[in-house]
Protein backbone atom coordinates (compact mmCIF):
# COMPACT_ATOMS: atom_id res chain seq x y z
CA MET A 1 26.97 23.02 38.64
CA HIS A 2 24.07 25.39 38.18
CA ALA A 3 20.96 24.26 36.32
CA ASP A 4 19.93 25.84 33.05
CA LEU A 5 16.23 25.46 33.84
CA LEU A 6 14.34 25.15 37.08
CA PHE A 7 10.63 24.29 37.36
CA THR A 8 9.09 24.99 40.73
CA GLY A 9 5.87 25.82 42.50
CA GLY A 10 3.54 23.21 41.05
CA PRO A 11 2.73 19.51 40.82
CA VAL A 12 4.93 17.21 38.76
CA LEU A 13 3.88 13.90 37.20
CA THR A 14 6.73 11.49 38.00
CA PRO A 15 6.95 7.68 37.72
CA GLU A 16 6.00 7.57 41.40
CA GLY A 17 2.85 9.63 40.77
CA ARG A 18 1.79 13.25 40.97
CA THR A 19 3.80 15.10 43.59
CA ALA A 20 4.97 18.55 44.55
CA ALA A 21 8.55 18.84 43.37
CA THR A 22 11.20 21.09 41.92
CA VAL A 23 12.82 19.90 38.69
CA ALA A 24 16.25 20.96 37.45
CA VAL A 25 17.43 20.68 33.84
CA THR A 26 21.04 20.99 32.75
CA GLY A 27 21.82 20.75 29.06
CA ASP A 28 19.33 18.34 27.49
CA ARG A 29 18.72 16.24 30.63
CA VAL A 30 16.75 16.37 33.83
CA THR A 31 19.42 16.50 36.53
CA ALA A 32 17.36 16.58 39.73
CA VAL A 33 13.82 16.02 40.94
CA GLY A 34 13.19 16.80 44.59
CA GLY A 35 12.26 19.33 47.21
CA ASP A 36 13.65 22.67 48.30
CA GLU A 37 17.21 21.40 48.04
CA VAL A 38 16.90 21.40 44.24
CA ARG A 39 16.36 25.16 44.34
CA GLU A 40 19.99 25.48 45.39
CA LEU A 41 20.94 24.52 41.81
CA ALA A 42 19.67 27.91 40.61
CA GLY A 43 22.41 30.26 39.50
CA PRO A 44 22.57 33.73 37.98
CA ARG A 45 21.85 32.38 34.49
CA THR A 46 19.24 29.79 35.45
CA GLU A 47 15.80 30.29 33.90
CA VAL A 48 13.25 29.70 36.64
CA VAL A 49 9.77 28.66 35.47
CA GLU A 50 7.18 29.31 38.16
CA LEU A 51 4.51 26.66 37.66
CA ALA A 52 2.04 28.45 39.93
CA GLY A 53 0.04 25.27 40.42
CA ARG A 54 0.22 24.15 36.80
CA LEU A 55 1.16 20.54 36.04
CA LEU A 56 4.60 19.62 34.69
CA LEU A 57 4.74 16.26 32.94
CA PRO A 58 6.75 14.36 30.32
CA GLY A 59 6.24 15.40 26.71
CA PHE A 60 3.36 13.70 24.94
CA GLN A 61 4.23 11.20 22.23
CA ASP A 62 1.88 10.25 19.40
CA ALA A 63 2.31 6.57 18.55
CA HIS A 64 0.37 6.70 15.27
CA VAL A 65 0.21 9.89 13.21
CA HIS A 66 0.67 11.19 9.63
CA PRO A 67 2.06 14.73 9.94
CA VAL A 68 3.13 15.34 6.34
CA PRO A 69 -0.24 14.46 4.75
CA ALA A 70 -1.89 16.45 7.52
CA GLY A 71 0.31 19.45 6.80
CA LEU A 72 -0.37 19.18 3.07
CA GLU A 73 -4.13 18.92 3.57
CA LEU A 74 -4.13 22.06 5.68
CA THR A 75 -2.83 23.96 2.64
CA GLN A 76 -5.29 22.35 0.18
CA CYS A 77 -9.08 21.89 0.21
CA ASP A 78 -9.54 21.23 3.91
CA LEU A 79 -12.94 19.73 4.75
CA THR A 80 -12.24 18.78 8.35
CA GLY A 81 -14.45 21.57 9.68
CA ALA A 82 -17.49 20.69 7.54
CA LYS A 83 -20.26 18.95 9.49
CA THR A 84 -22.86 18.45 6.74
CA ALA A 85 -22.99 17.64 3.04
CA ALA A 86 -23.96 21.24 2.27
CA GLU A 87 -21.03 22.62 4.25
CA SER A 88 -18.66 20.17 2.49
CA VAL A 89 -19.86 21.21 -0.96
CA ALA A 90 -19.64 24.89 -0.04
CA ALA A 91 -16.06 24.43 1.13
CA VAL A 92 -15.13 22.75 -2.16
CA ARG A 93 -16.75 25.56 -4.14
CA ALA A 94 -14.94 28.22 -2.11
CA TYR A 95 -11.57 26.54 -2.52
CA ALA A 96 -12.02 25.97 -6.25
CA ASP A 97 -13.10 29.60 -6.77
CA ALA A 98 -10.09 30.83 -4.80
CA HIS A 99 -7.65 28.64 -6.75
CA PRO A 100 -8.51 28.79 -10.45
CA GLU A 101 -4.90 27.94 -11.27
CA ARG A 102 -5.07 24.47 -9.69
CA GLU A 103 -5.27 21.70 -12.29
CA TRP A 104 -6.74 19.34 -9.68
CA ILE A 105 -8.80 20.06 -6.58
CA THR A 106 -7.20 17.97 -3.84
CA GLY A 107 -7.20 17.93 -0.06
CA GLY A 108 -9.73 16.01 1.99
CA GLY A 109 -10.98 15.36 5.49
CA TRP A 110 -14.72 15.00 4.87
CA SER A 111 -16.79 13.11 7.39
CA MET A 112 -18.69 9.99 6.34
CA GLU A 113 -21.53 10.86 8.69
CA ALA A 114 -22.24 14.00 6.66
CA PHE A 115 -23.54 11.91 3.76
CA GLU A 116 -26.27 9.31 3.53
CA GLY A 117 -24.71 5.87 3.89
CA GLY A 118 -21.29 7.50 4.22
CA THR A 119 -20.86 7.64 0.42
CA PRO A 120 -21.10 11.10 -1.23
CA ALA A 121 -22.15 11.32 -4.87
CA LYS A 122 -20.15 12.70 -7.77
CA GLU A 123 -23.06 14.95 -8.77
CA LEU A 124 -22.53 17.10 -5.68
CA LEU A 125 -19.00 17.90 -6.89
CA ASP A 126 -20.02 18.19 -10.55
CA ALA A 127 -22.37 21.02 -9.59
CA VAL A 128 -19.55 23.17 -8.20
CA VAL A 129 -16.46 21.93 -10.10
CA PRO A 130 -17.59 20.57 -13.48
CA ASP A 131 -14.45 21.31 -15.47
CA ARG A 132 -11.57 20.13 -13.27
CA PRO A 133 -10.94 16.76 -11.62
CA VAL A 134 -11.60 16.53 -7.88
CA TYR A 135 -10.04 13.93 -5.56
CA LEU A 136 -10.81 14.25 -1.83
CA PRO A 137 -10.01 11.45 0.64
CA ASN A 138 -12.25 11.26 3.68
CA ARG A 139 -10.96 11.86 7.16
CA ASP A 140 -9.88 8.23 7.70
CA HIS A 141 -8.24 8.01 4.24
CA HIS A 142 -9.96 4.71 3.48
CA GLY A 143 -12.26 6.27 0.89
CA ALA A 144 -12.21 9.12 -1.63
CA TRP A 145 -14.88 11.40 -3.11
CA VAL A 146 -14.38 12.16 -6.80
CA ASN A 147 -16.26 13.99 -9.53
CA SER A 148 -17.17 12.86 -13.03
CA ARG A 149 -14.15 14.57 -14.58
CA ALA A 150 -11.77 12.62 -12.33
CA LEU A 151 -13.50 9.33 -13.19
CA GLU A 152 -13.32 10.21 -16.89
CA LEU A 153 -9.58 10.95 -16.75
CA ALA A 154 -8.97 7.68 -14.89
CA GLY A 155 -11.06 5.70 -17.34
CA VAL A 156 -13.33 4.40 -14.59
CA THR A 157 -16.69 3.30 -16.01
CA ARG A 158 -19.49 0.88 -15.21
CA ASP A 159 -17.31 -1.82 -16.83
CA THR A 160 -14.30 -1.20 -14.57
CA PRO A 161 -13.97 -4.12 -12.15
CA ASP A 162 -13.39 -3.58 -8.45
CA PRO A 163 -9.73 -4.06 -7.53
CA ALA A 164 -8.95 -6.97 -5.23
CA ASP A 165 -8.30 -4.62 -2.31
CA GLY A 166 -11.07 -2.09 -2.85
CA ARG A 167 -14.55 -1.21 -4.08
CA ILE A 168 -16.06 1.26 -6.53
CA GLU A 169 -19.36 2.44 -5.09
CA ARG A 170 -22.06 2.30 -7.78
CA ASP A 171 -25.55 3.66 -8.25
CA ALA A 172 -28.63 1.54 -8.98
CA SER A 173 -27.76 1.41 -12.69
CA GLY A 174 -24.20 0.20 -12.04
CA GLU A 175 -22.45 3.50 -12.82
CA PRO A 176 -19.64 4.67 -10.49
CA SER A 177 -21.40 6.92 -7.99
CA GLY A 178 -18.45 9.05 -6.86
CA THR A 179 -16.98 7.23 -3.85
CA LEU A 180 -13.95 4.94 -4.11
CA GLN A 181 -13.15 2.65 -1.19
CA GLU A 182 -9.71 1.39 -0.12
CA GLY A 183 -7.59 0.17 -3.07
CA ALA A 184 -10.05 1.64 -5.58
CA MET A 185 -8.82 5.07 -4.48
CA HIS A 186 -5.65 4.44 -6.45
CA LEU A 187 -7.59 4.37 -9.73
CA VAL A 188 -7.84 8.16 -9.48
CA GLY A 189 -5.29 8.98 -6.79
CA ARG A 190 -2.41 7.86 -9.02
CA LEU A 191 -3.20 10.73 -11.39
CA THR A 192 -3.12 13.56 -8.84
CA PRO A 193 -0.14 15.93 -8.95
CA ALA A 194 2.61 14.95 -6.55
CA ALA A 195 3.73 17.48 -4.00
CA THR A 196 7.24 18.83 -4.54
CA PRO A 197 10.04 18.06 -2.07
CA GLY A 198 9.76 21.65 -0.89
CA ASP A 199 6.02 21.23 -0.35
CA ARG A 200 6.56 18.12 1.74
CA LEU A 201 9.27 19.71 3.88
CA ALA A 202 7.13 22.78 4.46
CA ALA A 203 4.18 20.54 5.40
CA LEU A 204 6.33 18.62 7.87
CA LEU A 205 7.58 21.77 9.57
CA HIS A 206 4.07 23.26 9.66
CA ALA A 207 2.75 20.06 11.25
CA GLN A 208 5.66 19.95 13.70
CA ARG A 209 4.86 23.45 14.94
CA HIS A 210 1.25 22.44 15.49
CA LEU A 211 2.18 19.22 17.28
CA HIS A 212 4.63 21.05 19.55
CA SER A 213 1.85 23.51 20.43
CA LEU A 214 -0.12 20.49 21.67
CA GLY A 215 2.75 19.29 23.87
CA ILE A 216 3.93 16.56 21.49
CA THR A 217 7.68 16.05 21.58
CA ALA A 218 7.96 12.75 19.68
CA TRP A 219 5.89 10.61 17.38
CA GLN A 220 5.76 7.54 15.18
CA ASP A 221 4.89 8.31 11.57
CA ALA A 222 2.64 5.42 10.66
CA LEU A 223 3.25 5.44 6.90
CA VAL A 224 6.65 6.15 5.41
CA GLY A 225 6.32 5.10 1.78
CA ASP A 226 4.00 5.45 -1.22
CA PHE A 227 0.35 4.48 -0.74
CA LEU A 228 -2.81 5.36 -2.67
CA GLY A 229 -1.51 8.68 -3.89
CA MET A 230 -0.12 9.78 -0.51
CA ASP A 231 3.34 11.30 -0.79
CA ASP A 232 6.28 9.47 0.81
CA PRO A 233 7.49 11.73 3.66
CA ALA A 234 10.90 10.03 3.94
CA GLU A 235 12.98 12.66 2.16
CA ALA A 236 11.30 15.47 4.08
CA TYR A 237 12.25 13.83 7.38
CA LEU A 238 15.78 13.18 6.19
CA ALA A 239 16.22 16.79 5.03
CA ALA A 240 14.87 18.15 8.32
CA ALA A 241 17.02 15.76 10.37
CA ARG A 242 20.13 16.81 8.47
CA ASP A 243 19.59 20.57 8.66
CA GLY A 244 18.46 20.52 12.30
CA SER A 245 14.91 21.75 11.67
CA LEU A 246 13.48 18.46 12.94
CA THR A 247 13.12 19.32 16.61
CA ALA A 248 10.88 16.36 17.48
CA ARG A 249 12.08 12.79 17.91
CA VAL A 250 10.51 10.67 15.17
CA VAL A 251 10.25 6.98 14.36
CA GLY A 252 9.27 6.17 10.79
CA ALA A 253 7.16 3.08 10.10
CA LEU A 254 8.23 1.85 6.67
CA TRP A 255 5.28 0.87 4.51
CA TRP A 256 4.85 -2.84 3.72
CA ASP A 257 3.68 -3.00 0.10
CA ARG A 258 0.63 -5.23 0.41
CA GLY A 259 0.87 -6.18 -3.27
CA ARG A 260 4.21 -7.90 -2.67
CA GLY A 261 5.67 -10.48 -0.30
CA ALA A 262 8.89 -11.27 1.51
CA GLU A 263 10.99 -10.22 -1.49
CA GLN A 264 10.65 -6.60 -0.29
CA ILE A 265 12.36 -7.24 3.05
CA PRO A 266 15.92 -6.58 1.79
CA GLU A 267 14.67 -3.23 0.46
CA LEU A 268 13.25 -2.40 3.89
CA VAL A 269 16.61 -3.22 5.47
CA GLU A 270 18.31 -0.81 3.09
CA ARG A 271 15.71 1.90 3.69
CA ARG A 272 16.21 1.54 7.43
CA ARG A 273 19.92 2.13 6.96
CA ALA A 274 19.56 5.00 4.50
CA LEU A 275 16.83 6.91 6.30
CA SER A 276 18.01 6.82 9.91
CA HIS A 277 19.72 10.10 10.74
CA GLY A 278 19.77 12.35 13.79
CA ARG A 279 16.34 12.57 15.37
CA PHE A 280 14.72 10.40 12.68
CA ARG A 281 14.93 6.62 12.79
CA ALA A 282 13.19 4.17 10.46
CA GLY A 283 13.32 0.88 12.35
CA THR A 284 9.63 -0.02 12.14
CA VAL A 285 7.54 -1.71 9.44
CA LYS A 286 3.86 -0.83 9.03
CA LEU A 287 1.60 -3.73 8.05
CA MET A 288 -1.97 -2.74 7.18
CA LEU A 289 -4.08 -5.82 7.80
CA ASP A 290 -7.59 -4.50 7.16
CA GLY A 291 -9.73 -1.44 6.53
CA VAL A 292 -12.39 0.30 8.61
CA ALA A 293 -15.75 -0.77 9.98
CA GLU A 294 -17.76 2.11 8.52
CA ASN A 295 -17.28 0.92 4.93
CA GLY A 296 -17.35 -2.78 5.74
CA THR A 297 -13.64 -3.48 5.17
CA ALA A 298 -12.50 -4.05 8.76
CA ALA A 299 -11.74 -7.78 8.95
CA LEU A 300 -14.23 -9.57 11.23
CA LEU A 301 -14.40 -13.13 12.51
CA ASP A 302 -18.15 -13.24 11.84
CA PRO A 303 -20.09 -11.47 9.08
CA TYR A 304 -21.32 -7.92 9.14
CA LEU A 305 -25.05 -7.45 9.54
CA ASP A 306 -27.36 -5.66 7.13
CA ARG A 307 -29.78 -2.88 8.11
CA CYS A 308 -32.32 -5.52 9.09
CA GLY A 309 -29.90 -7.19 11.50
CA CYS A 310 -29.35 -10.27 9.34
CA ALA A 311 -25.91 -11.72 8.59
CA THR A 312 -24.40 -10.83 5.22
CA ALA A 313 -21.69 -12.59 3.25
CA ASN A 314 -19.18 -9.86 4.10
CA ARG A 315 -16.49 -10.45 6.70
CA GLY A 316 -14.37 -7.51 5.62
CA THR A 317 -11.04 -7.46 3.84
CA SER A 318 -7.68 -8.96 4.75
CA PHE A 319 -5.10 -6.95 2.83
CA LEU A 320 -2.33 -9.41 3.73
CA ASP A 321 -2.63 -13.18 3.45
CA PRO A 322 -3.11 -14.47 7.02
CA GLY A 323 -1.28 -17.65 6.03
CA GLN A 324 1.83 -15.71 5.01
CA LEU A 325 1.72 -13.02 7.70
CA PRO A 326 3.45 -15.12 10.43
CA LYS A 327 6.35 -15.77 8.04
CA TYR A 328 6.74 -12.08 7.24
CA VAL A 329 6.58 -11.02 10.88
CA THR A 330 8.99 -13.75 11.98
CA GLU A 331 11.58 -12.63 9.43
CA LEU A 332 11.12 -8.94 10.25
CA ASP A 333 11.42 -9.67 13.97
CA ALA A 334 14.61 -11.68 13.40
CA LEU A 335 16.08 -8.66 11.59
CA GLY A 336 15.28 -6.38 14.53
CA PHE A 337 12.32 -4.58 12.98
CA GLN A 338 9.41 -3.47 15.09
CA CYS A 339 6.05 -4.41 13.53
CA HIS A 340 3.31 -1.78 13.64
CA PHE A 341 -0.01 -3.36 12.67
CA HIS A 342 -3.14 -1.60 11.46
CA ALA A 343 -5.62 -4.01 13.06
CA LEU A 344 -9.12 -2.69 13.43
CA GLY A 345 -11.47 -5.69 13.26
CA ASP A 346 -11.35 -8.72 15.55
CA ARG A 347 -10.06 -11.01 12.78
CA ALA A 348 -7.24 -8.59 11.97
CA VAL A 349 -6.36 -8.33 15.67
CA ARG A 350 -6.22 -12.11 15.96
CA ASP A 351 -4.12 -12.43 12.79
CA ALA A 352 -1.61 -9.90 14.18
CA LEU A 353 -1.39 -11.64 17.54
CA ASP A 354 -1.00 -15.03 15.84
CA ALA A 355 1.87 -13.61 13.78
CA ILE A 356 3.57 -12.18 16.87
CA GLU A 357 3.14 -15.53 18.63
CA ALA A 358 4.78 -17.28 15.66
CA ALA A 359 7.71 -14.84 15.77
CA ARG A 360 8.14 -15.36 19.51
CA GLY A 361 8.12 -19.11 19.02
CA ALA A 362 10.68 -19.01 16.22
CA ASN A 363 12.99 -16.26 17.47
CA GLY A 364 12.50 -16.31 21.22
CA PRO A 365 12.08 -13.15 23.29
CA SER A 366 13.14 -9.92 21.64
CA ASP A 367 13.03 -6.19 22.24
CA THR A 368 11.27 -5.36 18.96
CA ARG A 369 8.15 -4.15 20.83
CA PRO A 370 5.37 -4.91 18.30
CA HIS A 371 2.19 -2.89 18.59
CA LEU A 372 -1.33 -3.07 17.23
CA ALA A 373 -3.05 0.19 16.33
CA HIS A 374 -6.75 1.08 16.34
CA LEU A 375 -8.24 -2.03 17.98
CA GLN A 376 -11.84 -1.11 17.36
CA VAL A 377 -13.19 -4.64 17.82
CA VAL A 378 -11.24 -7.08 19.99
CA HIS A 379 -12.63 -10.53 20.74
CA PRO A 380 -12.60 -11.08 24.52
CA ASP A 381 -10.50 -14.23 24.07
CA ASP A 382 -7.72 -12.12 22.57
CA VAL A 383 -7.56 -9.42 25.26
CA PRO A 384 -5.19 -11.37 27.58
CA ARG A 385 -2.90 -12.29 24.69
CA PHE A 386 -1.47 -8.75 24.49
CA ALA A 387 0.26 -9.03 27.86
CA ALA A 388 1.20 -12.67 27.28
CA LEU A 389 2.95 -11.85 24.00
CA GLY A 390 4.38 -8.47 24.97
CA ALA A 391 2.29 -6.72 22.30
CA THR A 392 1.42 -3.10 23.03
CA ALA A 393 -2.15 -1.87 22.48
CA ASN A 394 -1.83 1.36 20.50
CA ILE A 395 -5.14 3.15 21.10
CA GLN A 396 -6.77 6.14 19.38
CA PRO A 397 -9.04 7.22 22.24
CA LEU A 398 -11.01 9.92 20.43
CA TRP A 399 -12.93 7.24 18.53
CA ALA A 400 -14.30 5.56 21.66
CA ALA A 401 -17.45 7.66 22.00
CA HIS A 402 -20.98 7.93 20.70
CA GLU A 403 -21.15 10.05 17.56
CA PRO A 404 -23.06 9.63 14.29
CA GLN A 405 -20.28 7.64 12.63
CA MET A 406 -20.40 5.17 15.52
CA ASP A 407 -24.15 5.09 16.05
CA GLU A 408 -25.30 5.17 12.42
CA LEU A 409 -22.49 3.55 10.39
CA THR A 410 -20.96 1.05 12.82
CA ILE A 411 -23.08 -0.33 15.68
CA PRO A 412 -26.04 -1.43 13.50
CA PHE A 413 -23.73 -3.47 11.28
CA LEU A 414 -21.77 -5.05 14.13
CA GLY A 415 -24.73 -6.02 16.29
CA SER A 416 -25.18 -5.52 20.01
CA GLU A 417 -22.75 -8.18 21.26
CA ARG A 418 -19.81 -7.22 19.03
CA ALA A 419 -20.49 -3.54 19.61
CA ARG A 420 -19.64 -4.14 23.28
CA TRP A 421 -16.14 -5.32 22.28
CA GLN A 422 -15.14 -1.94 20.89
CA TYR A 423 -12.10 -0.05 22.15
CA PRO A 424 -11.64 -2.17 25.31
CA PHE A 425 -9.16 0.12 27.06
CA GLY A 426 -10.16 -0.88 30.57
CA ALA A 427 -10.16 -4.59 29.78
CA LEU A 428 -6.74 -4.40 28.16
CA LEU A 429 -5.25 -2.55 31.13
CA GLY A 430 -6.90 -4.95 33.54
CA SER A 431 -5.33 -7.90 31.73
CA GLY A 432 -1.85 -6.42 32.13
CA ALA A 433 -1.44 -5.01 28.63
CA ARG A 434 0.68 -1.93 28.02
CA LEU A 435 -1.16 0.97 26.39
CA ALA A 436 0.35 3.48 23.98
CA ALA A 437 -1.73 6.23 22.43
CA GLY A 438 -1.97 8.24 19.26
CA SER A 439 -4.31 10.26 17.08
CA ASP A 440 -4.03 9.03 13.47
CA TRP A 441 -4.07 12.73 12.50
CA PRO A 442 -5.34 13.92 10.01
CA VAL A 443 -8.02 11.26 10.57
CA SER A 444 -8.86 12.94 13.89
CA SER A 445 -7.58 15.73 16.11
CA PRO A 446 -3.94 15.38 17.18
CA ASP A 447 -4.63 17.03 20.56
CA PRO A 448 -3.61 14.50 23.26
CA LEU A 449 -5.76 16.25 25.85
CA GLU A 450 -8.87 15.65 23.76
CA GLY A 451 -7.94 11.98 23.45
CA ILE A 452 -7.26 11.76 27.17
CA HIS A 453 -10.64 13.35 27.84
CA VAL A 454 -12.40 10.60 25.86
CA ALA A 455 -10.30 7.81 27.36
CA VAL A 456 -11.36 8.95 30.83
CA ASN A 457 -14.97 9.93 30.09
CA ARG A 458 -15.90 7.89 26.97
CA VAL A 459 -17.77 11.01 25.85
CA VAL A 460 -16.58 13.49 23.22
CA PRO A 461 -15.29 16.84 24.52
CA GLY A 462 -18.25 19.06 25.19
CA GLY A 463 -20.64 16.12 25.02
CA THR A 464 -23.08 15.19 27.74
CA GLY A 465 -23.57 11.49 27.08
CA PRO A 466 -24.59 8.79 26.88
CA VAL A 467 -21.30 7.28 28.01
CA PHE A 468 -19.91 4.78 25.50
CA LEU A 469 -19.24 1.47 27.28
CA PRO A 470 -18.55 3.04 30.68
CA GLY A 471 -16.79 -0.08 31.97
CA GLU A 472 -13.93 0.62 29.54
CA ARG A 473 -13.11 4.06 30.98
CA ILE A 474 -9.60 4.45 32.38
CA ALA A 475 -8.21 6.81 34.99
CA LEU A 476 -6.58 10.13 34.14
CA ALA A 477 -3.16 8.93 35.31
CA GLU A 478 -3.49 5.82 33.13
CA ALA A 479 -4.45 7.85 30.07
CA LEU A 480 -1.54 10.27 30.61
CA THR A 481 0.82 7.31 30.97
CA ALA A 482 -0.37 5.89 27.64
CA TYR A 483 0.43 9.20 25.90
CA THR A 484 3.84 9.52 27.60
CA ALA A 485 5.63 6.43 28.93
CA GLY A 486 3.52 4.03 26.86
CA SER A 487 4.26 5.70 23.55
CA ALA A 488 7.89 6.29 24.57
CA TYR A 489 8.20 2.52 25.06
CA VAL A 490 6.76 1.84 21.60
CA ASN A 491 9.15 4.41 20.13
CA HIS A 492 12.17 2.86 21.86
CA LEU A 493 12.80 6.25 23.47
CA ASP A 494 13.62 4.80 26.85
CA ASP A 495 15.23 7.96 28.20
CA THR A 496 12.01 9.92 27.62
CA GLY A 497 8.44 9.51 28.84
CA ALA A 498 9.21 10.23 32.49
CA VAL A 499 10.27 13.15 34.67
CA ARG A 500 13.25 11.64 36.48
CA ALA A 501 16.91 12.42 36.93
CA GLY A 502 18.90 11.33 33.89
CA ALA A 503 15.99 11.42 31.46
CA LEU A 504 15.96 13.69 28.43
CA ALA A 505 14.25 16.97 29.26
CA ASP A 506 11.28 16.49 26.92
CA LEU A 507 8.70 18.26 29.06
CA VAL A 508 5.31 19.93 28.95
CA VAL A 509 3.79 22.59 31.19
CA LEU A 510 -0.01 22.64 31.13
CA ASP A 511 -2.08 25.75 31.85
CA ARG A 512 -3.61 24.04 34.90
CA ASP A 513 -3.57 20.81 36.87
CA PRO A 514 -6.24 18.56 35.29
CA PHE A 515 -6.19 16.33 38.37
CA ALA A 516 -7.58 19.24 40.38
CA GLY A 517 -10.72 19.65 38.26
CA PRO A 518 -13.62 17.41 37.28
CA PRO A 519 -12.99 14.80 34.55
CA GLU A 520 -15.59 16.51 32.35
CA GLU A 521 -13.24 19.51 32.00
CA ILE A 522 -10.04 17.67 30.95
CA ALA A 523 -10.36 18.77 27.31
CA GLU A 524 -10.41 22.43 28.38
CA THR A 525 -6.76 22.08 29.44
CA ARG A 526 -4.22 23.74 27.16
CA VAL A 527 -0.46 23.49 26.77
CA ALA A 528 1.51 26.46 28.10
CA ARG A 529 5.05 25.37 27.19
CA THR A 530 6.79 22.50 25.38
CA TYR A 531 10.47 21.57 25.70
CA VAL A 532 12.54 19.06 23.73
CA GLY A 533 15.94 18.28 25.19
CA GLY A 534 15.66 21.31 27.46
CA ALA A 535 15.07 23.66 24.52
CA ARG A 536 11.75 25.46 24.42
CA VAL A 537 9.95 24.69 21.16
CA TYR A 538 6.58 26.24 22.05
CA ALA A 539 5.24 28.86 24.44
CA ALA A 540 1.66 30.05 24.57
CA GLU A 541 1.17 33.79 24.72
CA GLY A 542 1.60 34.99 28.28
CA SER A 543 2.90 31.68 29.57
């Protein structure tokens, strides 16, 4: 039988390592990986792709991403390119002037480091949009910038108490200053206009095209549900899966409502059944355990420090009761759900591992493959527990570098010892843990090659140093494995993540071989072609 596709003339990343090989694809599967003998599978209708020294590897998989909100933000007031407060305000003014018909100004993506203390003031927005409400989540979606009109419509005043799971930033007189943290976002976010089903489907397909252009063939959507004004992407995925426009393979992580308890589990079981169709499966539950370090809501074992280096009374926020969490996870595990934890601080990481340990003790070994995402601060005592419990470390490598948000809003409030526990990729690998990788887009760039660059160099692309915790750097092959086989494992896509005979032909051709150049140039690599099941879903011009 002749092959439909033949890749030849370049290195191939296989489970055995990087090697010169020819790869044949028939239908949606890789049918042969070998030497010159594989060329004999070429027939008159075989498409031959000459690699010309470029690397062929398995498709990248993003283990923690939010494509629909990302797609929606790209069509709204997009602040991701603004580096300063002035640039952010100018972008809001330009968008508002260009869209006088919009009842609300929505979008987001502003950077905390652009504003003093990471908390922008309402007056900045009032100056450019005084007559319409403005609601703009920051790039990590743990805080929102609002104007006076939005606060007025929501009835938020100096007398409004902080919600249990959030904080209203206030000025010296006690008035709301314009930044809402965590659960306080909902005070205004609940009023914003919901996107239509057509909007959400269009956003998904727009995001899918972008992700395919970056070599991403599969992902895990880390929030399928309603949360703080974010639109539930479930129906968009289901529509795309049914009409065939969903070309990626997607796992949906069903949102655990942190205001409720175990009574929601039967609803999650029903949602898993109703939403799984074609290339979309919803067999995961997302449990958000804490917030983020920059606003003091990541859950820590010991208190945050103040600007003088003294301990405060703040240990962050646990969004789920640590005493109940093991019960929830044990029941979910028994029902075959994978648990996907947002665990950023060392206390949240320990709570997640304790819950997994309880589930293992109650249910015995299982193939549910729990994973912990973000892992900014991990106590050294907990590093070896990942391998012992079979918990995957789901890393977002782009964050593991010196930048203003790290140096100005994080390290001073963690202190020197805890700051050395951040993003311990090397330590986790050395302890035997499995790494998966993702972006958390739109929080940060979805480009896997940028994340791989930082995982290897611990310096942002284009940066010159200093290196952030150089002992935690990992090798290029290890970083590529995290973005391919590691994330495929988390996604239960066991016939992907490797170039081998019998595997699904989810493949990427890069524009070069990054192994052949210096590590400092990894981020300059681009994707030339992307295939899902042997079908080409992206080709760069001239590739």
